[in-house]
PDB file of N, CA and C in Angstrom:
ATOM      1  N   UNK A   1     -13.382 -13.367   1.501  1.00  0.00           N
ATOM      2  CA  UNK A   1     -13.852 -13.425   0.147  1.00  0.00           C
ATOM      3  C   UNK A   1     -13.755 -12.054  -0.529  1.00  0.00           C
ATOM      4  N   UNK A   2     -13.995 -11.016   0.247  1.00  0.00           N
ATOM      5  CA  UNK A   2     -13.939  -9.668  -0.308  1.00  0.00           C
ATOM      6  C   UNK A   2     -12.532  -9.328  -0.783  1.00  0.00           C
ATOM      7  N   UNK A   3     -11.531  -9.664  -0.001  1.00  0.00           N
ATOM      8  CA  UNK A   3     -10.144  -9.383  -0.376  1.00  0.00           C
ATOM      9  C   UNK A   3      -9.742 -10.193  -1.613  1.00  0.00           C
ATOM     10  N   UNK A   4     -10.180 -11.434  -1.693  1.00  0.00           N
ATOM     11  CA  UNK A   4      -9.884 -12.262  -2.858  1.00  0.00           C
ATOM     12  C   UNK A   4     -10.501 -11.670  -4.124  1.00  0.00           C
ATOM     13  N   UNK A   5     -11.762 -11.281  -4.047  1.00  0.00           N
ATOM     14  CA  UNK A   5     -12.446 -10.703  -5.193  1.00  0.00           C
ATOM     15  C   UNK A   5     -11.767  -9.406  -5.638  1.00  0.00           C
ATOM     16  N   UNK A   6     -11.403  -8.581  -4.696  1.00  0.00           N
ATOM     17  CA  UNK A   6     -10.724  -7.322  -5.013  1.00  0.00           C
ATOM     18  C   UNK A   6      -9.373  -7.582  -5.685  1.00  0.00           C
ATOM     19  N   UNK A   7      -8.634  -8.546  -5.194  1.00  0.00           N
ATOM     20  CA  UNK A   7      -7.333  -8.892  -5.761  1.00  0.00           C
ATOM     21  C   UNK A   7      -7.451  -9.360  -7.209  1.00  0.00           C
ATOM     22  N   UNK A   8      -8.407 -10.234  -7.478  1.00  0.00           N
ATOM     23  CA  UNK A   8      -8.581 -10.776  -8.824  1.00  0.00           C
ATOM     24  C   UNK A   8      -9.036  -9.689  -9.788  1.00  0.00           C
ATOM     25  N   UNK A   9      -9.991  -8.874  -9.371  1.00  0.00           N
ATOM     26  CA  UNK A   9     -10.519  -7.836 -10.254  1.00  0.00           C
ATOM     27  C   UNK A   9      -9.455  -6.793 -10.566  1.00  0.00           C
ATOM     28  N   UNK A  10      -8.648  -6.425  -9.586  1.00  0.00           N
ATOM     29  CA  UNK A  10      -7.591  -5.443  -9.832  1.00  0.00           C
ATOM     30  C   UNK A  10      -6.583  -5.956 -10.854  1.00  0.00           C
ATOM     31  N   UNK A  11      -6.410  -7.251 -10.949  1.00  0.00           N
ATOM     32  CA  UNK A  11      -5.512  -7.824 -11.934  1.00  0.00           C
ATOM     33  C   UNK A  11      -6.087  -7.836 -13.342  1.00  0.00           C
ATOM     34  N   UNK A  12      -7.396  -7.677 -13.463  1.00  0.00           N
ATOM     35  CA  UNK A  12      -8.048  -7.728 -14.765  1.00  0.00           C
ATOM     36  C   UNK A  12      -8.242  -6.362 -15.431  1.00  0.00           C
ATOM     37  N   UNK A  13      -8.277  -5.309 -14.644  1.00  0.00           N
ATOM     38  CA  UNK A  13      -8.651  -3.992 -15.174  1.00  0.00           C
ATOM     39  C   UNK A  13      -7.437  -3.112 -15.459  1.00  0.00           C
ATOM     40  N   UNK A  14      -7.678  -2.041 -16.234  1.00  0.00           N
ATOM     41  CA  UNK A  14      -6.625  -1.074 -16.541  1.00  0.00           C
ATOM     42  C   UNK A  14      -6.427  -0.064 -15.422  1.00  0.00           C
ATOM     43  N   UNK A  15      -7.477   0.230 -14.668  1.00  0.00           N
ATOM     44  CA  UNK A  15      -7.417   1.206 -13.583  1.00  0.00           C
ATOM     45  C   UNK A  15      -7.708   0.524 -12.245  1.00  0.00           C
ATOM     46  N   UNK A  16      -6.715  -0.149 -11.668  1.00  0.00           N
ATOM     47  CA  UNK A  16      -6.971  -0.894 -10.423  1.00  0.00           C
ATOM     48  C   UNK A  16      -7.291  -0.001  -9.227  1.00  0.00           C
ATOM     49  N   UNK A  17      -6.907   1.266  -9.279  1.00  0.00           N
ATOM     50  CA  UNK A  17      -7.216   2.160  -8.159  1.00  0.00           C
ATOM     51  C   UNK A  17      -8.702   2.484  -8.084  1.00  0.00           C
ATOM     52  N   UNK A  18      -9.429   2.307  -9.158  1.00  0.00           N
ATOM     53  CA  UNK A  18     -10.856   2.621  -9.193  1.00  0.00           C
ATOM     54  C   UNK A  18     -11.732   1.459  -8.730  1.00  0.00           C
ATOM     55  N   UNK A  19     -11.142   0.320  -8.436  1.00  0.00           N
ATOM     56  CA  UNK A  19     -11.912  -0.864  -8.030  1.00  0.00           C
ATOM     57  C   UNK A  19     -12.377  -0.707  -6.589  1.00  0.00           C
ATOM     58  N   UNK A  20     -13.681  -0.914  -6.375  1.00  0.00           N
ATOM     59  CA  UNK A  20     -14.268  -0.894  -5.035  1.00  0.00           C
ATOM     60  C   UNK A  20     -15.129  -2.136  -4.864  1.00  0.00           C
ATOM     61  N   UNK A  21     -14.921  -2.838  -3.779  1.00  0.00           N
ATOM     62  CA  UNK A  21     -15.739  -4.006  -3.459  1.00  0.00           C
ATOM     63  C   UNK A  21     -16.363  -3.757  -2.096  1.00  0.00           C
ATOM     64  N   UNK A  22     -17.687  -3.757  -2.060  1.00  0.00           N
ATOM     65  CA  UNK A  22     -18.425  -3.504  -0.831  1.00  0.00           C
ATOM     66  C   UNK A  22     -19.270  -4.722  -0.499  1.00  0.00           C
ATOM     67  N   UNK A  23     -19.200  -5.158   0.749  1.00  0.00           N
ATOM     68  CA  UNK A  23     -20.008  -6.297   1.189  1.00  0.00           C
ATOM     69  C   UNK A  23     -21.275  -5.777   1.870  1.00  0.00           C
ATOM     70  N   UNK A  24     -22.427  -6.281   1.424  1.00  0.00           N
ATOM     71  CA  UNK A  24     -23.716  -5.897   1.984  1.00  0.00           C
ATOM     72  C   UNK A  24     -24.427  -7.168   2.424  1.00  0.00           C
ATOM     73  N   UNK A  25     -24.791  -7.237   3.702  1.00  0.00           N
ATOM     74  CA  UNK A  25     -25.485  -8.411   4.238  1.00  0.00           C
ATOM     75  C   UNK A  25     -26.986  -8.259   4.042  1.00  0.00           C
ATOM     76  N   UNK A  26     -27.595  -9.298   3.449  1.00  0.00           N
ATOM     77  CA  UNK A  26     -29.034  -9.312   3.202  1.00  0.00           C
ATOM     78  C   UNK A  26     -29.602 -10.648   3.650  1.00  0.00           C
ATOM     79  N   UNK A  27     -30.240 -10.695   4.764  1.00  0.00           N
ATOM     80  CA  UNK A  27     -30.947 -11.876   5.270  1.00  0.00           C
ATOM     81  C   UNK A  27     -30.227 -13.202   5.003  1.00  0.00           C
ATOM     82  N   UNK A  28     -29.059 -13.364   5.578  1.00  0.00           N
ATOM     83  CA  UNK A  28     -28.301 -14.601   5.453  1.00  0.00           C
ATOM     84  C   UNK A  28     -27.510 -14.725   4.172  1.00  0.00           C
ATOM     85  N   UNK A  29     -27.460 -13.673   3.383  1.00  0.00           N
ATOM     86  CA  UNK A  29     -26.758 -13.674   2.104  1.00  0.00           C
ATOM     87  C   UNK A  29     -25.846 -12.456   2.059  1.00  0.00           C
ATOM     88  N   UNK A  30     -24.625 -12.648   1.642  1.00  0.00           N
ATOM     89  CA  UNK A  30     -23.692 -11.528   1.499  1.00  0.00           C
ATOM     90  C   UNK A  30     -23.589 -11.182   0.023  1.00  0.00           C
ATOM     91  N   UNK A  31     -23.909  -9.927  -0.303  1.00  0.00           N
ATOM     92  CA  UNK A  31     -23.818  -9.450  -1.686  1.00  0.00           C
ATOM     93  C   UNK A  31     -22.574  -8.589  -1.798  1.00  0.00           C
ATOM     94  N   UNK A  32     -21.673  -8.975  -2.672  1.00  0.00           N
ATOM     95  CA  UNK A  32     -20.475  -8.187  -2.931  1.00  0.00           C
ATOM     96  C   UNK A  32     -20.765  -7.277  -4.125  1.00  0.00           C
ATOM     97  N   UNK A  33     -20.804  -5.975  -3.855  1.00  0.00           N
ATOM     98  CA  UNK A  33     -21.064  -4.999  -4.905  1.00  0.00           C
ATOM     99  C   UNK A  33     -19.734  -4.540  -5.464  1.00  0.00           C
ATOM    100  N   UNK A  34     -19.551  -4.728  -6.742  1.00  0.00           N
ATOM    101  CA  UNK A  34     -18.298  -4.457  -7.419  1.00  0.00           C
ATOM    102  C   UNK A  34     -18.448  -3.223  -8.291  1.00  0.00           C
ATOM    103  N   UNK A  35     -17.597  -2.227  -8.057  1.00  0.00           N
ATOM    104  CA  UNK A  35     -17.591  -1.011  -8.868  1.00  0.00           C
ATOM    105  C   UNK A  35     -16.219  -0.867  -9.502  1.00  0.00           C
ATOM    106  N   UNK A  36     -16.207  -0.591 -10.802  1.00  0.00           N
ATOM    107  CA  UNK A  36     -14.962  -0.374 -11.543  1.00  0.00           C
ATOM    108  C   UNK A  36     -15.126   0.892 -12.381  1.00  0.00           C
ATOM    109  N   UNK A  37     -14.025   1.342 -12.970  1.00  0.00           N
ATOM    110  CA  UNK A  37     -14.068   2.498 -13.869  1.00  0.00           C
ATOM    111  C   UNK A  37     -14.959   2.144 -15.069  1.00  0.00           C
ATOM    112  N   UNK A  38     -15.644   3.155 -15.642  1.00  0.00           N
ATOM    113  CA  UNK A  38     -16.565   2.870 -16.753  1.00  0.00           C
ATOM    114  C   UNK A  38     -15.921   2.131 -17.926  1.00  0.00           C
ATOM    115  N   UNK A  39     -14.688   2.392 -18.240  1.00  0.00           N
ATOM    116  CA  UNK A  39     -14.031   1.713 -19.343  1.00  0.00           C
ATOM    117  C   UNK A  39     -13.639   0.282 -19.038  1.00  0.00           C
ATOM    118  N   UNK A  40     -13.625  -0.085 -17.773  1.00  0.00           N
ATOM    119  CA  UNK A  40     -13.208  -1.431 -17.371  1.00  0.00           C
ATOM    120  C   UNK A  40     -14.365  -2.400 -17.176  1.00  0.00           C
ATOM    121  N   UNK A  41     -15.583  -1.917 -17.245  1.00  0.00           N
ATOM    122  CA  UNK A  41     -16.740  -2.788 -17.013  1.00  0.00           C
ATOM    123  C   UNK A  41     -16.780  -3.929 -18.033  1.00  0.00           C
ATOM    124  N   UNK A  42     -16.436  -3.635 -19.279  1.00  0.00           N
ATOM    125  CA  UNK A  42     -16.444  -4.671 -20.315  1.00  0.00           C
ATOM    126  C   UNK A  42     -15.429  -5.759 -20.056  1.00  0.00           C
ATOM    127  N   UNK A  43     -14.307  -5.399 -19.453  1.00  0.00           N
ATOM    128  CA  UNK A  43     -13.287  -6.408 -19.144  1.00  0.00           C
ATOM    129  C   UNK A  43     -13.754  -7.336 -18.040  1.00  0.00           C
ATOM    130  N   UNK A  44     -14.539  -6.817 -17.119  1.00  0.00           N
ATOM    131  CA  UNK A  44     -15.063  -7.640 -16.037  1.00  0.00           C
ATOM    132  C   UNK A  44     -16.182  -8.541 -16.554  1.00  0.00           C
ATOM    133  N   UNK A  45     -16.995  -8.039 -17.457  1.00  0.00           N
ATOM    134  CA  UNK A  45     -18.092  -8.836 -17.999  1.00  0.00           C
ATOM    135  C   UNK A  45     -17.554  -9.915 -18.930  1.00  0.00           C
ATOM    136  N   UNK A  46     -16.647  -9.548 -19.816  1.00  0.00           N
ATOM    137  CA  UNK A  46     -16.077 -10.519 -20.747  1.00  0.00           C
ATOM    138  C   UNK A  46     -17.020 -10.841 -21.886  1.00  0.00           C
ATOM    139  N   UNK A  47     -16.548 -11.656 -22.811  1.00  0.00           N
ATOM    140  CA  UNK A  47     -17.409 -12.058 -23.929  1.00  0.00           C
ATOM    141  C   UNK A  47     -18.535 -12.948 -23.432  1.00  0.00           C
ATOM    142  N   UNK A  48     -19.738 -12.526 -23.759  1.00  0.00           N
ATOM    143  CA  UNK A  48     -20.945 -13.270 -23.357  1.00  0.00           C
ATOM    144  C   UNK A  48     -21.032 -13.489 -21.858  1.00  0.00           C
ATOM    145  N   UNK A  49     -20.368 -12.660 -21.080  1.00  0.00           N
ATOM    146  CA  UNK A  49     -20.462 -12.749 -19.627  1.00  0.00           C
ATOM    147  C   UNK A  49     -19.615 -13.830 -19.002  1.00  0.00           C
ATOM    148  N   UNK A  50     -18.644 -14.349 -19.733  1.00  0.00           N
ATOM    149  CA  UNK A  50     -17.865 -15.471 -19.209  1.00  0.00           C
ATOM    150  C   UNK A  50     -16.979 -15.078 -18.031  1.00  0.00           C
ATOM    151  N   UNK A  51     -16.405 -13.870 -18.067  1.00  0.00           N
ATOM    152  CA  UNK A  51     -15.493 -13.476 -16.988  1.00  0.00           C
ATOM    153  C   UNK A  51     -16.249 -13.257 -15.685  1.00  0.00           C
ATOM    154  N   UNK A  52     -17.362 -12.534 -15.739  1.00  0.00           N
ATOM    155  CA  UNK A  52     -18.131 -12.285 -14.517  1.00  0.00           C
ATOM    156  C   UNK A  52     -18.716 -13.591 -13.982  1.00  0.00           C
ATOM    157  N   UNK A  53     -19.104 -14.501 -14.857  1.00  0.00           N
ATOM    158  CA  UNK A  53     -19.619 -15.792 -14.402  1.00  0.00           C
ATOM    159  C   UNK A  53     -18.527 -16.606 -13.709  1.00  0.00           C
ATOM    160  N   UNK A  54     -17.300 -16.542 -14.235  1.00  0.00           N
ATOM    161  CA  UNK A  54     -16.190 -17.249 -13.601  1.00  0.00           C
ATOM    162  C   UNK A  54     -15.891 -16.662 -12.228  1.00  0.00           C
ATOM    163  N   UNK A  55     -15.920 -15.327 -12.123  1.00  0.00           N
ATOM    164  CA  UNK A  55     -15.706 -14.679 -10.821  1.00  0.00           C
ATOM    165  C   UNK A  55     -16.780 -15.102  -9.828  1.00  0.00           C
ATOM    166  N   UNK A  56     -18.014 -15.104 -10.278  1.00  0.00           N
ATOM    167  CA  UNK A  56     -19.119 -15.506  -9.395  1.00  0.00           C
ATOM    168  C   UNK A  56     -18.959 -16.948  -8.942  1.00  0.00           C
ATOM    169  N   UNK A  57     -18.548 -17.819  -9.846  1.00  0.00           N
ATOM    170  CA  UNK A  57     -18.364 -19.231  -9.492  1.00  0.00           C
ATOM    171  C   UNK A  57     -17.261 -19.406  -8.464  1.00  0.00           C
ATOM    172  N   UNK A  58     -16.144 -18.716  -8.648  1.00  0.00           N
ATOM    173  CA  UNK A  58     -15.034 -18.813  -7.699  1.00  0.00           C
ATOM    174  C   UNK A  58     -15.432 -18.311  -6.312  1.00  0.00           C
ATOM    175  N   UNK A  59     -16.115 -17.189  -6.270  1.00  0.00           N
ATOM    176  CA  UNK A  59     -16.526 -16.618  -4.983  1.00  0.00           C
ATOM    177  C   UNK A  59     -17.551 -17.526  -4.313  1.00  0.00           C
ATOM    178  N   UNK A  60     -18.498 -18.038  -5.071  1.00  0.00           N
ATOM    179  CA  UNK A  60     -19.506 -18.925  -4.485  1.00  0.00           C
ATOM    180  C   UNK A  60     -18.898 -20.225  -3.977  1.00  0.00           C
ATOM    181  N   UNK A  61     -17.915 -20.745  -4.687  1.00  0.00           N
ATOM    182  CA  UNK A  61     -17.253 -21.969  -4.249  1.00  0.00           C
ATOM    183  C   UNK A  61     -16.495 -21.736  -2.936  1.00  0.00           C
ATOM    184  N   UNK A  62     -15.772 -20.632  -2.867  1.00  0.00           N
ATOM    185  CA  UNK A  62     -15.052 -20.304  -1.636  1.00  0.00           C
ATOM    186  C   UNK A  62     -15.994 -20.060  -0.476  1.00  0.00           C
ATOM    187  N   UNK A  63     -17.102 -19.410  -0.747  1.00  0.00           N
ATOM    188  CA  UNK A  63     -18.086 -19.143   0.309  1.00  0.00           C
ATOM    189  C   UNK A  63     -18.755 -20.436   0.771  1.00  0.00           C
ATOM    190  N   UNK A  64     -19.002 -21.326  -0.155  1.00  0.00           N
ATOM    191  CA  UNK A  64     -19.631 -22.594   0.179  1.00  0.00           C
ATOM    192  C   UNK A  64     -18.744 -23.417   1.112  1.00  0.00           C
ATOM    193  N   UNK A  65     -17.450 -23.366   0.884  1.00  0.00           N
ATOM    194  CA  UNK A  65     -16.526 -24.082   1.766  1.00  0.00           C
ATOM    195  C   UNK A  65     -16.535 -23.513   3.176  1.00  0.00           C
ATOM    196  N   UNK A  66     -16.872 -22.235   3.291  1.00  0.00           N
ATOM    197  CA  UNK A  66     -16.953 -21.590   4.608  1.00  0.00           C
ATOM    198  C   UNK A  66     -18.349 -21.666   5.206  1.00  0.00           C
ATOM    199  N   UNK A  67     -19.292 -22.196   4.447  1.00  0.00           N
ATOM    200  CA  UNK A  67     -20.652 -22.355   4.947  1.00  0.00           C
ATOM    201  C   UNK A  67     -21.489 -21.087   4.871  1.00  0.00           C
ATOM    202  N   UNK A  68     -21.161 -20.193   3.964  1.00  0.00           N
ATOM    203  CA  UNK A  68     -21.941 -18.968   3.809  1.00  0.00           C
ATOM    204  C   UNK A  68     -22.457 -18.885   2.369  1.00  0.00           C
ATOM    205  N   UNK A  69     -23.424 -18.003   2.140  1.00  0.00           N
ATOM    206  CA  UNK A  69     -23.965 -17.785   0.806  1.00  0.00           C
ATOM    207  C   UNK A  69     -23.604 -16.381   0.360  1.00  0.00           C
ATOM    208  N   UNK A  70     -23.249 -16.225  -0.903  1.00  0.00           N
ATOM    209  CA  UNK A  70     -22.912 -14.898  -1.399  1.00  0.00           C
ATOM    210  C   UNK A  70     -23.179 -14.794  -2.889  1.00  0.00           C
ATOM    211  N   UNK A  71     -23.281 -13.540  -3.342  1.00  0.00           N
ATOM    212  CA  UNK A  71     -23.439 -13.237  -4.755  1.00  0.00           C
ATOM    213  C   UNK A  71     -22.514 -12.067  -5.094  1.00  0.00           C
ATOM    214  N   UNK A  72     -22.208 -11.925  -6.378  1.00  0.00           N
ATOM    215  CA  UNK A  72     -21.384 -10.817  -6.857  1.00  0.00           C
ATOM    216  C   UNK A  72     -22.203 -10.011  -7.836  1.00  0.00           C
ATOM    217  N   UNK A  73     -22.342  -8.717  -7.566  1.00  0.00           N
ATOM    218  CA  UNK A  73     -23.097  -7.819  -8.438  1.00  0.00           C
ATOM    219  C   UNK A  73     -22.166  -6.754  -8.973  1.00  0.00           C
ATOM    220  N   UNK A  74     -22.184  -6.529 -10.276  1.00  0.00           N
ATOM    221  CA  UNK A  74     -21.421  -5.461 -10.897  1.00  0.00           C
ATOM    222  C   UNK A  74     -22.317  -4.240 -10.949  1.00  0.00           C
ATOM    223  N   UNK A  75     -21.932  -3.199 -10.226  1.00  0.00           N
ATOM    224  CA  UNK A  75     -22.728  -1.976 -10.140  1.00  0.00           C
ATOM    225  C   UNK A  75     -22.268  -1.019 -11.224  1.00  0.00           C
ATOM    226  N   UNK A  76     -23.212  -0.603 -12.059  1.00  0.00           N
ATOM    227  CA  UNK A  76     -22.923   0.319 -13.148  1.00  0.00           C
ATOM    228  C   UNK A  76     -23.378   1.711 -12.755  1.00  0.00           C
ATOM    229  N   UNK A  77     -22.422   2.624 -12.629  1.00  0.00           N
ATOM    230  CA  UNK A  77     -22.767   4.004 -12.228  1.00  0.00           C
ATOM    231  C   UNK A  77     -22.948   4.902 -13.419  1.00  0.00           C
TER     232      UNK A  77
END
């Protein structure tokens, strides 16, 4: 799931080299922390949050098929 999320996000941003996806395990839940360049955060969020919601839905659907739980968090530095 981490590689899939990284692949999709790199296709959306202007600076794909700045994309970092870190998986953090929290009591039966995997949290994918997503970091992008400051100028690319808006592209990941999208209008009214539609892009980030779509990413979260895709990742959750893939994780559900594998029998795991996960969330996607956009980390703002």
